[in-house]
PDB file of N, CA and C in Angstrom:
ATOM      1  N   MET A   1      56.400  64.606 -62.384  1.00  0.00           N
ATOM      2  CA  MET A   1      54.962  64.809 -62.529  1.00  0.00           C
ATOM      3  C   MET A   1      54.697  66.297 -62.749  1.00  0.00           C
ATOM      4  N   LEU A   2      53.915  66.591 -63.784  1.00  0.00           N
ATOM      5  CA  LEU A   2      53.504  67.965 -64.058  1.00  0.00           C
ATOM      6  C   LEU A   2      52.316  68.289 -63.160  1.00  0.00           C
ATOM      7  N   ILE A   3      52.440  69.340 -62.343  1.00  0.00           N
ATOM      8  CA  ILE A   3      51.387  69.748 -61.417  1.00  0.00           C
ATOM      9  C   ILE A   3      50.983  71.176 -61.760  1.00  0.00           C
ATOM     10  N   LEU A   4      49.696  71.357 -62.046  1.00  0.00           N
ATOM     11  CA  LEU A   4      49.152  72.685 -62.329  1.00  0.00           C
ATOM     12  C   LEU A   4      48.151  73.017 -61.225  1.00  0.00           C
ATOM     13  N   GLU A   5      48.523  73.945 -60.364  1.00  0.00           N
ATOM     14  CA  GLU A   5      47.680  74.278 -59.214  1.00  0.00           C
ATOM     15  C   GLU A   5      46.744  75.436 -59.537  1.00  0.00           C
ATOM     16  N   ASN A   6      45.649  75.504 -58.781  1.00  0.00           N
ATOM     17  CA  ASN A   6      44.695  76.614 -58.868  1.00  0.00           C
ATOM     18  C   ASN A   6      44.233  76.901 -60.293  1.00  0.00           C
ATOM     19  N   VAL A   7      43.871  75.847 -61.018  1.00  0.00           N
ATOM     20  CA  VAL A   7      43.438  76.038 -62.403  1.00  0.00           C
ATOM     21  C   VAL A   7      41.981  76.487 -62.495  1.00  0.00           C
ATOM     22  N   ILE A   8      41.169  76.142 -61.488  1.00  0.00           N
ATOM     23  CA  ILE A   8      39.751  76.513 -61.476  1.00  0.00           C
ATOM     24  C   ILE A   8      39.351  76.816 -60.038  1.00  0.00           C
ATOM     25  N   SER A   9      38.517  77.836 -59.873  1.00  0.00           N
ATOM     26  CA  SER A   9      37.955  78.166 -58.569  1.00  0.00           C
ATOM     27  C   SER A   9      36.474  78.488 -58.769  1.00  0.00           C
ATOM     28  N   ASP A  10      35.612  77.863 -57.965  1.00  0.00           N
ATOM     29  CA  ASP A  10      34.172  78.084 -58.103  1.00  0.00           C
ATOM     30  C   ASP A  10      33.499  77.881 -56.752  1.00  0.00           C
ATOM     31  N   ARG A  11      32.835  78.909 -56.282  1.00  0.00           N
ATOM     32  CA  ARG A  11      32.074  78.849 -55.019  1.00  0.00           C
ATOM     33  C   ARG A  11      32.885  78.258 -53.876  1.00  0.00           C
ATOM     34  N   GLY A  12      34.142  78.627 -53.824  1.00  0.00           N
ATOM     35  CA  GLY A  12      35.011  78.182 -52.741  1.00  0.00           C
ATOM     36  C   GLY A  12      35.802  76.921 -53.042  1.00  0.00           C
ATOM     37  N   SER A  13      35.319  76.095 -53.966  1.00  0.00           N
ATOM     38  CA  SER A  13      36.071  74.896 -54.347  1.00  0.00           C
ATOM     39  C   SER A  13      37.227  75.300 -55.257  1.00  0.00           C
ATOM     40  N   LYS A  14      38.355  74.649 -55.063  1.00  0.00           N
ATOM     41  CA  LYS A  14      39.535  74.903 -55.883  1.00  0.00           C
ATOM     42  C   LYS A  14      39.983  73.595 -56.517  1.00  0.00           C
ATOM     43  N   TYR A  15      40.521  73.705 -57.732  1.00  0.00           N
ATOM     44  CA  TYR A  15      40.949  72.534 -58.487  1.00  0.00           C
ATOM     45  C   TYR A  15      42.400  72.659 -58.917  1.00  0.00           C
ATOM     46  N   ALA A  16      43.054  71.509 -58.976  1.00  0.00           N
ATOM     47  CA  ALA A  16      44.392  71.378 -59.552  1.00  0.00           C
ATOM     48  C   ALA A  16      44.350  70.158 -60.457  1.00  0.00           C
ATOM     49  N   VAL A  17      45.315  70.074 -61.362  1.00  0.00           N
ATOM     50  CA  VAL A  17      45.399  68.904 -62.229  1.00  0.00           C
ATOM     51  C   VAL A  17      46.868  68.521 -62.366  1.00  0.00           C
ATOM     52  N   SER A  18      47.129  67.224 -62.343  1.00  0.00           N
ATOM     53  CA  SER A  18      48.492  66.705 -62.386  1.00  0.00           C
ATOM     54  C   SER A  18      48.530  65.496 -63.305  1.00  0.00           C
ATOM     55  N   GLY A  19      49.717  65.149 -63.748  1.00  0.00           N
ATOM     56  CA  GLY A  19      49.838  63.959 -64.566  1.00  0.00           C
ATOM     57  C   GLY A  19      51.273  63.593 -64.853  1.00  0.00           C
ATOM     58  N   ALA A  20      51.432  62.367 -65.352  1.00  0.00           N
ATOM     59  CA  ALA A  20      52.761  61.851 -65.681  1.00  0.00           C
ATOM     60  C   ALA A  20      52.614  60.598 -66.530  1.00  0.00           C
ATOM     61  N   PRO A  21      53.639  60.286 -67.318  1.00  0.00           N
ATOM     62  CA  PRO A  21      53.629  58.996 -68.021  1.00  0.00           C
ATOM     63  C   PRO A  21      53.491  57.869 -67.003  1.00  0.00           C
ATOM     64  N   CYS A  22      52.738  56.834 -67.366  1.00  0.00           N
ATOM     65  CA  CYS A  22      52.444  55.765 -66.415  1.00  0.00           C
ATOM     66  C   CYS A  22      52.101  54.499 -67.194  1.00  0.00           C
ATOM     67  N   ALA A  23      52.640  53.361 -66.762  1.00  0.00           N
ATOM     68  CA  ALA A  23      52.465  52.122 -67.511  1.00  0.00           C
ATOM     69  C   ALA A  23      51.588  51.076 -66.826  1.00  0.00           C
ATOM     70  N   SER A  24      51.153  51.328 -65.568  1.00  0.00           N
ATOM     71  CA  SER A  24      50.366  50.317 -64.869  1.00  0.00           C
ATOM     72  C   SER A  24      49.585  50.940 -63.713  1.00  0.00           C
ATOM     73  N   GLU A  25      48.619  50.190 -63.208  1.00  0.00           N
ATOM     74  CA  GLU A  25      47.846  50.648 -62.054  1.00  0.00           C
ATOM     75  C   GLU A  25      48.754  50.806 -60.837  1.00  0.00           C
ATOM     76  N   GLU A  26      49.714  49.885 -60.674  1.00  0.00           N
ATOM     77  CA  GLU A  26      50.640  49.967 -59.538  1.00  0.00           C
ATOM     78  C   GLU A  26      51.473  51.249 -59.610  1.00  0.00           C
ATOM     79  N   GLU A  27      51.942  51.570 -60.821  1.00  0.00           N
ATOM     80  CA  GLU A  27      52.712  52.794 -61.000  1.00  0.00           C
ATOM     81  C   GLU A  27      51.832  54.020 -60.746  1.00  0.00           C
ATOM     82  N   ALA A  28      50.568  53.961 -61.163  1.00  0.00           N
ATOM     83  CA  ALA A  28      49.634  55.062 -60.927  1.00  0.00           C
ATOM     84  C   ALA A  28      49.475  55.305 -59.427  1.00  0.00           C
ATOM     85  N   LYS A  29      49.324  54.232 -58.675  1.00  0.00           N
ATOM     86  CA  LYS A  29      49.163  54.373 -57.218  1.00  0.00           C
ATOM     87  C   LYS A  29      50.426  54.933 -56.581  1.00  0.00           C
ATOM     88  N   ALA A  30      51.595  54.558 -57.104  1.00  0.00           N
ATOM     89  CA  ALA A  30      52.857  55.103 -56.589  1.00  0.00           C
ATOM     90  C   ALA A  30      52.974  56.596 -56.906  1.00  0.00           C
ATOM     91  N   LEU A  31      52.569  56.987 -58.111  1.00  0.00           N
ATOM     92  CA  LEU A  31      52.604  58.404 -58.486  1.00  0.00           C
ATOM     93  C   LEU A  31      51.634  59.217 -57.627  1.00  0.00           C
ATOM     94  N   LEU A  32      50.464  58.654 -57.362  1.00  0.00           N
ATOM     95  CA  LEU A  32      49.483  59.325 -56.506  1.00  0.00           C
ATOM     96  C   LEU A  32      50.033  59.479 -55.091  1.00  0.00           C
ATOM     97  N   LYS A  33      50.705  58.448 -54.609  1.00  0.00           N
ATOM     98  CA  LYS A  33      51.312  58.509 -53.280  1.00  0.00           C
ATOM     99  C   LYS A  33      52.368  59.620 -53.228  1.00  0.00           C
ATOM    100  N   ASP A  34      53.161  59.747 -54.293  1.00  0.00           N
ATOM    101  CA  ASP A  34      54.151  60.825 -54.363  1.00  0.00           C
ATOM    102  C   ASP A  34      53.468  62.194 -54.352  1.00  0.00           C
ATOM    103  N   LEU A  35      52.361  62.319 -55.106  1.00  0.00           N
ATOM    104  CA  LEU A  35      51.625  63.579 -55.144  1.00  0.00           C
ATOM    105  C   LEU A  35      51.131  63.942 -53.747  1.00  0.00           C
ATOM    106  N   LYS A  36      50.642  62.943 -53.022  1.00  0.00           N
ATOM    107  CA  LYS A  36      50.092  63.192 -51.686  1.00  0.00           C
ATOM    108  C   LYS A  36      51.174  63.463 -50.640  1.00  0.00           C
ATOM    109  N   ARG A  37      52.440  63.339 -51.028  1.00  0.00           N
ATOM    110  CA  ARG A  37      53.514  63.736 -50.111  1.00  0.00           C
ATOM    111  C   ARG A  37      53.512  65.245 -49.934  1.00  0.00           C
ATOM    112  N   HIS A  38      52.933  65.954 -50.916  1.00  0.00           N
ATOM    113  CA  HIS A  38      52.706  67.392 -50.760  1.00  0.00           C
ATOM    114  C   HIS A  38      51.505  67.520 -49.828  1.00  0.00           C
ATOM    115  N   LYS A  39      51.709  68.129 -48.687  1.00  0.00           N
ATOM    116  CA  LYS A  39      50.672  68.208 -47.663  1.00  0.00           C
ATOM    117  C   LYS A  39      49.344  68.731 -48.227  1.00  0.00           C
ATOM    118  N   LYS A  40      49.439  69.717 -49.105  1.00  0.00           N
ATOM    119  CA  LYS A  40      48.245  70.316 -49.697  1.00  0.00           C
ATOM    120  C   LYS A  40      47.396  69.257 -50.408  1.00  0.00           C
ATOM    121  N   PHE A  41      48.033  68.370 -51.166  1.00  0.00           N
ATOM    122  CA  PHE A  41      47.306  67.350 -51.916  1.00  0.00           C
ATOM    123  C   PHE A  41      46.815  66.227 -50.995  1.00  0.00           C
ATOM    124  N   ALA A  42      47.556  65.945 -49.954  1.00  0.00           N
ATOM    125  CA  ALA A  42      47.124  64.926 -48.990  1.00  0.00           C
ATOM    126  C   ALA A  42      45.842  65.370 -48.282  1.00  0.00           C
ATOM    127  N   LYS A  43      45.666  66.685 -48.114  1.00  0.00           N
ATOM    128  CA  LYS A  43      44.491  67.220 -47.413  1.00  0.00           C
ATOM    129  C   LYS A  43      43.325  67.525 -48.349  1.00  0.00           C
ATOM    130  N   ALA A  44      43.497  67.274 -49.645  1.00  0.00           N
ATOM    131  CA  ALA A  44      42.432  67.551 -50.614  1.00  0.00           C
ATOM    132  C   ALA A  44      41.212  66.673 -50.340  1.00  0.00           C
ATOM    133  N   THR A  45      40.050  67.175 -50.718  1.00  0.00           N
ATOM    134  CA  THR A  45      38.815  66.421 -50.552  1.00  0.00           C
ATOM    135  C   THR A  45      38.783  65.228 -51.507  1.00  0.00           C
ATOM    136  N   HIS A  46      39.232  65.451 -52.757  1.00  0.00           N
ATOM    137  CA  HIS A  46      39.214  64.397 -53.774  1.00  0.00           C
ATOM    138  C   HIS A  46      40.473  64.468 -54.635  1.00  0.00           C
ATOM    139  N   ASN A  47      41.056  63.314 -54.917  1.00  0.00           N
ATOM    140  CA  ASN A  47      42.119  63.157 -55.912  1.00  0.00           C
ATOM    141  C   ASN A  47      41.626  62.094 -56.887  1.00  0.00           C
ATOM    142  N   SER A  48      40.771  62.509 -57.821  1.00  0.00           N
ATOM    143  CA  SER A  48      40.200  61.590 -58.810  1.00  0.00           C
ATOM    144  C   SER A  48      41.208  61.397 -59.932  1.00  0.00           C
ATOM    145  N   TRP A  49      41.290  60.168 -60.463  1.00  0.00           N
ATOM    146  CA  TRP A  49      42.294  59.922 -61.495  1.00  0.00           C
ATOM    147  C   TRP A  49      41.853  58.847 -62.473  1.00  0.00           C
ATOM    148  N   ALA A  50      42.562  58.838 -63.609  1.00  0.00           N
ATOM    149  CA  ALA A  50      42.309  57.810 -64.622  1.00  0.00           C
ATOM    150  C   ALA A  50      43.584  57.549 -65.402  1.00  0.00           C
ATOM    151  N   LEU A  51      43.637  56.341 -65.949  1.00  0.00           N
ATOM    152  CA  LEU A  51      44.776  55.880 -66.731  1.00  0.00           C
ATOM    153  C   LEU A  51      44.232  54.992 -67.849  1.00  0.00           C
ATOM    154  N   LEU A  52      44.562  55.352 -69.075  1.00  0.00           N
ATOM    155  CA  LEU A  52      44.128  54.589 -70.235  1.00  0.00           C
ATOM    156  C   LEU A  52      45.330  53.829 -70.785  1.00  0.00           C
ATOM    157  N   LEU A  53      45.236  52.493 -70.727  1.00  0.00           N
ATOM    158  CA  LEU A  53      46.290  51.628 -71.264  1.00  0.00           C
ATOM    159  C   LEU A  53      45.718  50.846 -72.438  1.00  0.00           C
ATOM    160  N   ASP A  54      46.566  50.262 -73.250  1.00  0.00           N
ATOM    161  CA  ASP A  54      46.077  49.459 -74.369  1.00  0.00           C
ATOM    162  C   ASP A  54      45.219  48.296 -73.881  1.00  0.00           C
ATOM    163  N   GLU A  55      45.602  47.728 -72.733  1.00  0.00           N
ATOM    164  CA  GLU A  55      44.906  46.547 -72.233  1.00  0.00           C
ATOM    165  C   GLU A  55      43.870  46.825 -71.146  1.00  0.00           C
ATOM    166  N   ALA A  56      43.765  48.074 -70.685  1.00  0.00           N
ATOM    167  CA  ALA A  56      42.836  48.352 -69.587  1.00  0.00           C
ATOM    168  C   ALA A  56      42.501  49.836 -69.500  1.00  0.00           C
ATOM    169  N   GLN A  57      41.331  50.104 -68.901  1.00  0.00           N
ATOM    170  CA  GLN A  57      40.919  51.457 -68.544  1.00  0.00           C
ATOM    171  C   GLN A  57      40.763  51.468 -67.036  1.00  0.00           C
ATOM    172  N   ILE A  58      41.568  52.269 -66.359  1.00  0.00           N
ATOM    173  CA  ILE A  58      41.586  52.262 -64.901  1.00  0.00           C
ATOM    174  C   ILE A  58      41.198  53.652 -64.413  1.00  0.00           C
ATOM    175  N   LYS A  59      40.288  53.690 -63.427  1.00  0.00           N
ATOM    176  CA  LYS A  59      39.859  54.981 -62.892  1.00  0.00           C
ATOM    177  C   LYS A  59      39.561  54.861 -61.409  1.00  0.00           C
ATOM    178  N   ASN A  60      39.606  56.002 -60.735  1.00  0.00           N
ATOM    179  CA  ASN A  60      39.266  56.053 -59.318  1.00  0.00           C
ATOM    180  C   ASN A  60      38.638  57.408 -59.047  1.00  0.00           C
ATOM    181  N   ASP A  61      37.394  57.410 -58.569  1.00  0.00           N
ATOM    182  CA  ASP A  61      36.671  58.658 -58.300  1.00  0.00           C
ATOM    183  C   ASP A  61      37.118  59.343 -57.011  1.00  0.00           C
ATOM    184  N   ASP A  62      37.677  58.587 -56.080  1.00  0.00           N
ATOM    185  CA  ASP A  62      38.065  59.109 -54.769  1.00  0.00           C
ATOM    186  C   ASP A  62      36.937  59.927 -54.133  1.00  0.00           C
ATOM    187  N   GLY A  63      35.720  59.394 -54.202  1.00  0.00           N
ATOM    188  CA  GLY A  63      34.576  60.035 -53.553  1.00  0.00           C
ATOM    189  C   GLY A  63      33.868  61.077 -54.398  1.00  0.00           C
ATOM    190  N   GLU A  64      34.426  61.447 -55.537  1.00  0.00           N
ATOM    191  CA  GLU A  64      33.798  62.418 -56.447  1.00  0.00           C
ATOM    192  C   GLU A  64      33.122  61.607 -57.555  1.00  0.00           C
ATOM    193  N   ALA A  65      31.936  61.069 -57.250  1.00  0.00           N
ATOM    194  CA  ALA A  65      31.258  60.108 -58.121  1.00  0.00           C
ATOM    195  C   ALA A  65      31.222  60.558 -59.578  1.00  0.00           C
ATOM    196  N   GLY A  66      31.753  59.700 -60.447  1.00  0.00           N
ATOM    197  CA  GLY A  66      31.736  59.958 -61.876  1.00  0.00           C
ATOM    198  C   GLY A  66      32.945  60.694 -62.419  1.00  0.00           C
ATOM    199  N   ALA A  67      33.765  61.256 -61.561  1.00  0.00           N
ATOM    200  CA  ALA A  67      34.908  62.067 -62.016  1.00  0.00           C
ATOM    201  C   ALA A  67      35.941  61.224 -62.765  1.00  0.00           C
ATOM    202  N   GLY A  68      36.204  60.011 -62.286  1.00  0.00           N
ATOM    203  CA  GLY A  68      37.180  59.150 -62.945  1.00  0.00           C
ATOM    204  C   GLY A  68      36.771  58.827 -64.376  1.00  0.00           C
ATOM    205  N   LEU A  69      35.470  58.607 -64.580  1.00  0.00           N
ATOM    206  CA  LEU A  69      34.964  58.305 -65.917  1.00  0.00           C
ATOM    207  C   LEU A  69      35.110  59.518 -66.840  1.00  0.00           C
ATOM    208  N   VAL A  70      34.873  60.713 -66.321  1.00  0.00           N
ATOM    209  CA  VAL A  70      35.039  61.939 -67.111  1.00  0.00           C
ATOM    210  C   VAL A  70      36.497  62.058 -67.561  1.00  0.00           C
ATOM    211  N   ILE A  71      37.429  61.827 -66.655  1.00  0.00           N
ATOM    212  CA  ILE A  71      38.856  61.896 -67.001  1.00  0.00           C
ATOM    213  C   ILE A  71      39.189  60.843 -68.049  1.00  0.00           C
ATOM    214  N   LEU A  72      38.705  59.630 -67.841  1.00  0.00           N
ATOM    215  CA  LEU A  72      38.959  58.533 -68.774  1.00  0.00           C
ATOM    216  C   LEU A  72      38.459  58.872 -70.180  1.00  0.00           C
ATOM    217  N   ARG A  73      37.266  59.427 -70.279  1.00  0.00           N
ATOM    218  CA  ARG A  73      36.711  59.809 -71.589  1.00  0.00           C
ATOM    219  C   ARG A  73      37.558  60.881 -72.258  1.00  0.00           C
ATOM    220  N   MET A  74      38.048  61.834 -71.479  1.00  0.00           N
ATOM    221  CA  MET A  74      38.901  62.891 -72.032  1.00  0.00           C
ATOM    222  C   MET A  74      40.216  62.298 -72.555  1.00  0.00           C
ATOM    223  N   LEU A  75      40.785  61.353 -71.819  1.00  0.00           N
ATOM    224  CA  LEU A  75      42.018  60.697 -72.262  1.00  0.00           C
ATOM    225  C   LEU A  75      41.776  59.915 -73.549  1.00  0.00           C
ATOM    226  N   ASP A  76      40.615  59.258 -73.614  1.00  0.00           N
ATOM    227  CA  ASP A  76      40.279  58.479 -74.802  1.00  0.00           C
ATOM    228  C   ASP A  76      40.120  59.404 -76.018  1.00  0.00           C
ATOM    229  N   ARG A  77      39.426  60.516 -75.843  1.00  0.00           N
ATOM    230  CA  ARG A  77      39.243  61.468 -76.944  1.00  0.00           C
ATOM    231  C   ARG A  77      40.580  62.020 -77.431  1.00  0.00           C
ATOM    232  N   ALA A  78      41.480  62.256 -76.491  1.00  0.00           N
ATOM    233  CA  ALA A  78      42.802  62.797 -76.833  1.00  0.00           C
ATOM    234  C   ALA A  78      43.751  61.694 -77.313  1.00  0.00           C
ATOM    235  N   GLN A  79      43.290  60.454 -77.238  1.00  0.00           N
ATOM    236  CA  GLN A  79      44.095  59.281 -77.596  1.00  0.00           C
ATOM    237  C   GLN A  79      45.410  59.265 -76.811  1.00  0.00           C
ATOM    238  N   LEU A  80      45.303  59.614 -75.541  1.00  0.00           N
ATOM    239  CA  LEU A  80      46.485  59.646 -74.665  1.00  0.00           C
ATOM    240  C   LEU A  80      46.509  58.378 -73.823  1.00  0.00           C
ATOM    241  N   ARG A  81      47.371  57.451 -74.215  1.00  0.00           N
ATOM    242  CA  ARG A  81      47.512  56.189 -73.492  1.00  0.00           C
ATOM    243  C   ARG A  81      48.817  56.215 -72.704  1.00  0.00           C
ATOM    244  N   GLY A  82      48.822  55.448 -71.611  1.00  0.00           N
ATOM    245  CA  GLY A  82      50.035  55.361 -70.813  1.00  0.00           C
ATOM    246  C   GLY A  82      50.379  56.659 -70.101  1.00  0.00           C
ATOM    247  N   HIS A  83      49.338  57.366 -69.649  1.00  0.00           N
ATOM    248  CA  HIS A  83      49.547  58.648 -68.979  1.00  0.00           C
ATOM    249  C   HIS A  83      48.488  58.811 -67.888  1.00  0.00           C
ATOM    250  N   LEU A  84      48.935  58.965 -66.657  1.00  0.00           N
ATOM    251  CA  LEU A  84      48.041  59.188 -65.527  1.00  0.00           C
ATOM    252  C   LEU A  84      47.649  60.660 -65.468  1.00  0.00           C
ATOM    253  N   VAL A  85      46.356  60.940 -65.257  1.00  0.00           N
ATOM    254  CA  VAL A  85      45.890  62.306 -65.020  1.00  0.00           C
ATOM    255  C   VAL A  85      45.067  62.303 -63.737  1.00  0.00           C
ATOM    256  N   VAL A  86      45.408  63.230 -62.835  1.00  0.00           N
ATOM    257  CA  VAL A  86      44.747  63.360 -61.539  1.00  0.00           C
ATOM    258  C   VAL A  86      44.108  64.743 -61.452  1.00  0.00           C
ATOM    259  N   VAL A  87      42.814  64.795 -61.149  1.00  0.00           N
ATOM    260  CA  VAL A  87      42.142  66.071 -60.902  1.00  0.00           C
ATOM    261  C   VAL A  87      41.869  66.146 -59.404  1.00  0.00           C
ATOM    262  N   THR A  88      42.420  67.174 -58.785  1.00  0.00           N
ATOM    263  CA  THR A  88      42.305  67.349 -57.336  1.00  0.00           C
ATOM    264  C   THR A  88      41.305  68.458 -57.045  1.00  0.00           C
ATOM    265  N   ARG A  89      40.444  68.214 -56.048  1.00  0.00           N
ATOM    266  CA  ARG A  89      39.465  69.227 -55.637  1.00  0.00           C
ATOM    267  C   ARG A  89      39.520  69.413 -54.134  1.00  0.00           C
ATOM    268  N   TRP A  90      39.539  70.679 -53.745  1.00  0.00           N
ATOM    269  CA  TRP A  90      39.378  71.061 -52.351  1.00  0.00           C
ATOM    270  C   TRP A  90      37.978  71.647 -52.245  1.00  0.00           C
ATOM    271  N   PHE A  91      37.100  70.962 -51.507  1.00  0.00           N
ATOM    272  CA  PHE A  91      35.695  71.369 -51.381  1.00  0.00           C
ATOM    273  C   PHE A  91      35.605  72.690 -50.633  1.00  0.00           C
ATOM    274  N   GLY A  92      34.815  73.605 -51.194  1.00  0.00           N
ATOM    275  CA  GLY A  92      34.710  74.941 -50.616  1.00  0.00           C
ATOM    276  C   GLY A  92      33.477  75.190 -49.772  1.00  0.00           C
ATOM    277  N   GLY A  93      32.677  74.150 -49.529  1.00  0.00           N
ATOM    278  CA  GLY A  93      31.527  74.321 -48.661  1.00  0.00           C
ATOM    279  C   GLY A  93      30.189  74.416 -49.374  1.00  0.00           C
ATOM    280  N   LYS A  94      30.211  74.624 -50.692  1.00  0.00           N
ATOM    281  CA  LYS A  94      28.963  74.694 -51.447  1.00  0.00           C
ATOM    282  C   LYS A  94      28.974  73.619 -52.527  1.00  0.00           C
ATOM    283  N   HIS A  95      27.858  72.910 -52.644  1.00  0.00           N
ATOM    284  CA  HIS A  95      27.751  71.868 -53.664  1.00  0.00           C
ATOM    285  C   HIS A  95      27.680  72.507 -55.039  1.00  0.00           C
ATOM    286  N   LEU A  96      28.384  71.909 -55.995  1.00  0.00           N
ATOM    287  CA  LEU A  96      28.467  72.464 -57.347  1.00  0.00           C
ATOM    288  C   LEU A  96      27.530  71.780 -58.331  1.00  0.00           C
ATOM    289  N   GLY A  97      26.888  70.705 -57.901  1.00  0.00           N
ATOM    290  CA  GLY A  97      25.991  69.987 -58.798  1.00  0.00           C
ATOM    291  C   GLY A  97      26.725  69.511 -60.039  1.00  0.00           C
ATOM    292  N   GLY A  98      26.080  69.635 -61.180  1.00  0.00           N
ATOM    293  CA  GLY A  98      26.661  69.185 -62.445  1.00  0.00           C
ATOM    294  C   GLY A  98      27.869  69.990 -62.885  1.00  0.00           C
ATOM    295  N   ASP A  99      28.036  71.191 -62.319  1.00  0.00           N
ATOM    296  CA  ASP A  99      29.201  72.004 -62.683  1.00  0.00           C
ATOM    297  C   ASP A  99      30.508  71.298 -62.344  1.00  0.00           C
ATOM    298  N   ARG A 100      30.484  70.406 -61.363  1.00  0.00           N
ATOM    299  CA  ARG A 100      31.728  69.726 -60.979  1.00  0.00           C
ATOM    300  C   ARG A 100      32.268  68.892 -62.139  1.00  0.00           C
ATOM    301  N   PHE A 101      31.379  68.319 -62.965  1.00  0.00           N
ATOM    302  CA  PHE A 101      31.832  67.546 -64.124  1.00  0.00           C
ATOM    303  C   PHE A 101      32.454  68.460 -65.177  1.00  0.00           C
ATOM    304  N   ARG A 102      31.848  69.629 -65.356  1.00  0.00           N
ATOM    305  CA  ARG A 102      32.397  70.608 -66.294  1.00  0.00           C
ATOM    306  C   ARG A 102      33.788  71.039 -65.833  1.00  0.00           C
ATOM    307  N   HIS A 103      33.960  71.203 -64.538  1.00  0.00           N
ATOM    308  CA  HIS A 103      35.257  71.609 -63.990  1.00  0.00           C
ATOM    309  C   HIS A 103      36.305  70.504 -64.158  1.00  0.00           C
ATOM    310  N   VAL A 104      35.907  69.261 -63.961  1.00  0.00           N
ATOM    311  CA  VAL A 104      36.840  68.145 -64.162  1.00  0.00           C
ATOM    312  C   VAL A 104      37.272  68.117 -65.629  1.00  0.00           C
ATOM    313  N   GLN A 105      36.321  68.254 -66.538  1.00  0.00           N
ATOM    314  CA  GLN A 105      36.644  68.290 -67.971  1.00  0.00           C
ATOM    315  C   GLN A 105      37.599  69.433 -68.286  1.00  0.00           C
ATOM    316  N   GLU A 106      37.304  70.605 -67.769  1.00  0.00           N
ATOM    317  CA  GLU A 106      38.139  71.773 -68.045  1.00  0.00           C
ATOM    318  C   GLU A 106      39.543  71.588 -67.475  1.00  0.00           C
ATOM    319  N   ALA A 107      39.636  71.007 -66.284  1.00  0.00           N
ATOM    320  CA  ALA A 107      40.955  70.756 -65.684  1.00  0.00           C
ATOM    321  C   ALA A 107      41.783  69.820 -66.564  1.00  0.00           C
ATOM    322  N   VAL A 108      41.162  68.762 -67.069  1.00  0.00           N
ATOM    323  CA  VAL A 108      41.872  67.828 -67.951  1.00  0.00           C
ATOM    324  C   VAL A 108      42.272  68.549 -69.237  1.00  0.00           C
ATOM    325  N   ARG A 109      41.389  69.363 -69.783  1.00  0.00           N
ATOM    326  CA  ARG A 109      41.695  70.125 -71.004  1.00  0.00           C
ATOM    327  C   ARG A 109      42.915  71.030 -70.771  1.00  0.00           C
ATOM    328  N   ILE A 110      42.944  71.701 -69.639  1.00  0.00           N
ATOM    329  CA  ILE A 110      44.077  72.572 -69.284  1.00  0.00           C
ATOM    330  C   ILE A 110      45.364  71.755 -69.213  1.00  0.00           C
ATOM    331  N   TYR A 111      45.281  70.585 -68.605  1.00  0.00           N
ATOM    332  CA  TYR A 111      46.458  69.713 -68.511  1.00  0.00           C
ATOM    333  C   TYR A 111      46.946  69.293 -69.895  1.00  0.00           C
ATOM    334  N   LEU A 112      46.026  68.851 -70.731  1.00  0.00           N
ATOM    335  CA  LEU A 112      46.405  68.385 -72.069  1.00  0.00           C
ATOM    336  C   LEU A 112      47.051  69.508 -72.879  1.00  0.00           C
ATOM    337  N   GLU A 113      46.510  70.727 -72.752  1.00  0.00           N
ATOM    338  CA  GLU A 113      47.101  71.872 -73.459  1.00  0.00           C
ATOM    339  C   GLU A 113      48.484  72.196 -72.923  1.00  0.00           C
ATOM    340  N   ALA A 114      48.655  72.162 -71.600  1.00  0.00           N
ATOM    341  CA  ALA A 114      49.964  72.449 -70.996  1.00  0.00           C
ATOM    342  C   ALA A 114      50.980  71.397 -71.402  1.00  0.00           C
ATOM    343  N   ARG A 115      50.549  70.156 -71.426  1.00  0.00           N
ATOM    344  CA  ARG A 115      51.438  69.048 -71.819  1.00  0.00           C
ATOM    345  C   ARG A 115      51.842  69.195 -73.273  1.00  0.00           C
ATOM    346  N   ALA A 116      50.894  69.537 -74.126  1.00  0.00           N
ATOM    347  CA  ALA A 116      51.191  69.701 -75.552  1.00  0.00           C
ATOM    348  C   ALA A 116      52.115  70.889 -75.792  1.00  0.00           C
ATOM    349  N   GLY A 117      51.996  71.896 -74.927  1.00  0.00           N
ATOM    350  CA  GLY A 117      52.836  73.075 -75.046  1.00  0.00           C
ATOM    351  C   GLY A 117      54.208  72.909 -74.442  1.00  0.00           C
ATOM    352  N   GLY A 118      54.446  71.737 -73.862  1.00  0.00           N
ATOM    353  CA  GLY A 118      55.759  71.448 -73.272  1.00  0.00           C
ATOM    354  C   GLY A 118      55.974  72.077 -71.915  1.00  0.00           C
ATOM    355  N   ALA A 119      54.868  72.376 -71.229  1.00  0.00           N
ATOM    356  CA  ALA A 119      54.984  72.996 -69.898  1.00  0.00           C
ATOM    357  C   ALA A 119      55.635  72.048 -68.911  1.00  0.00           C
TER     358      ALA A 119
END
């Protein structure tokens, strides 16, 4: 799994983005479980994720309402199927309002660029 930590910081909230090839919801949950074996990710406020398959669109906001859909739309635009993307947020104490969606989008963009660059 490619893990990019500290990609965005805003008003105390910090973001990371991770991803890996994935063929099913069960595999996505197993990959998420592996990610959460890192204590830092297990303690995160949100681990929102999405997976676009030929036969299904699967997402989980993990309490960050709407974040899974933002990730799913980014995957669809990039035509990236069979790949799990997780955006992790550690809440910094101040609400970000609509900026949180911009940050989720930017985190996915950073991941897609790193993946394309062979990081």
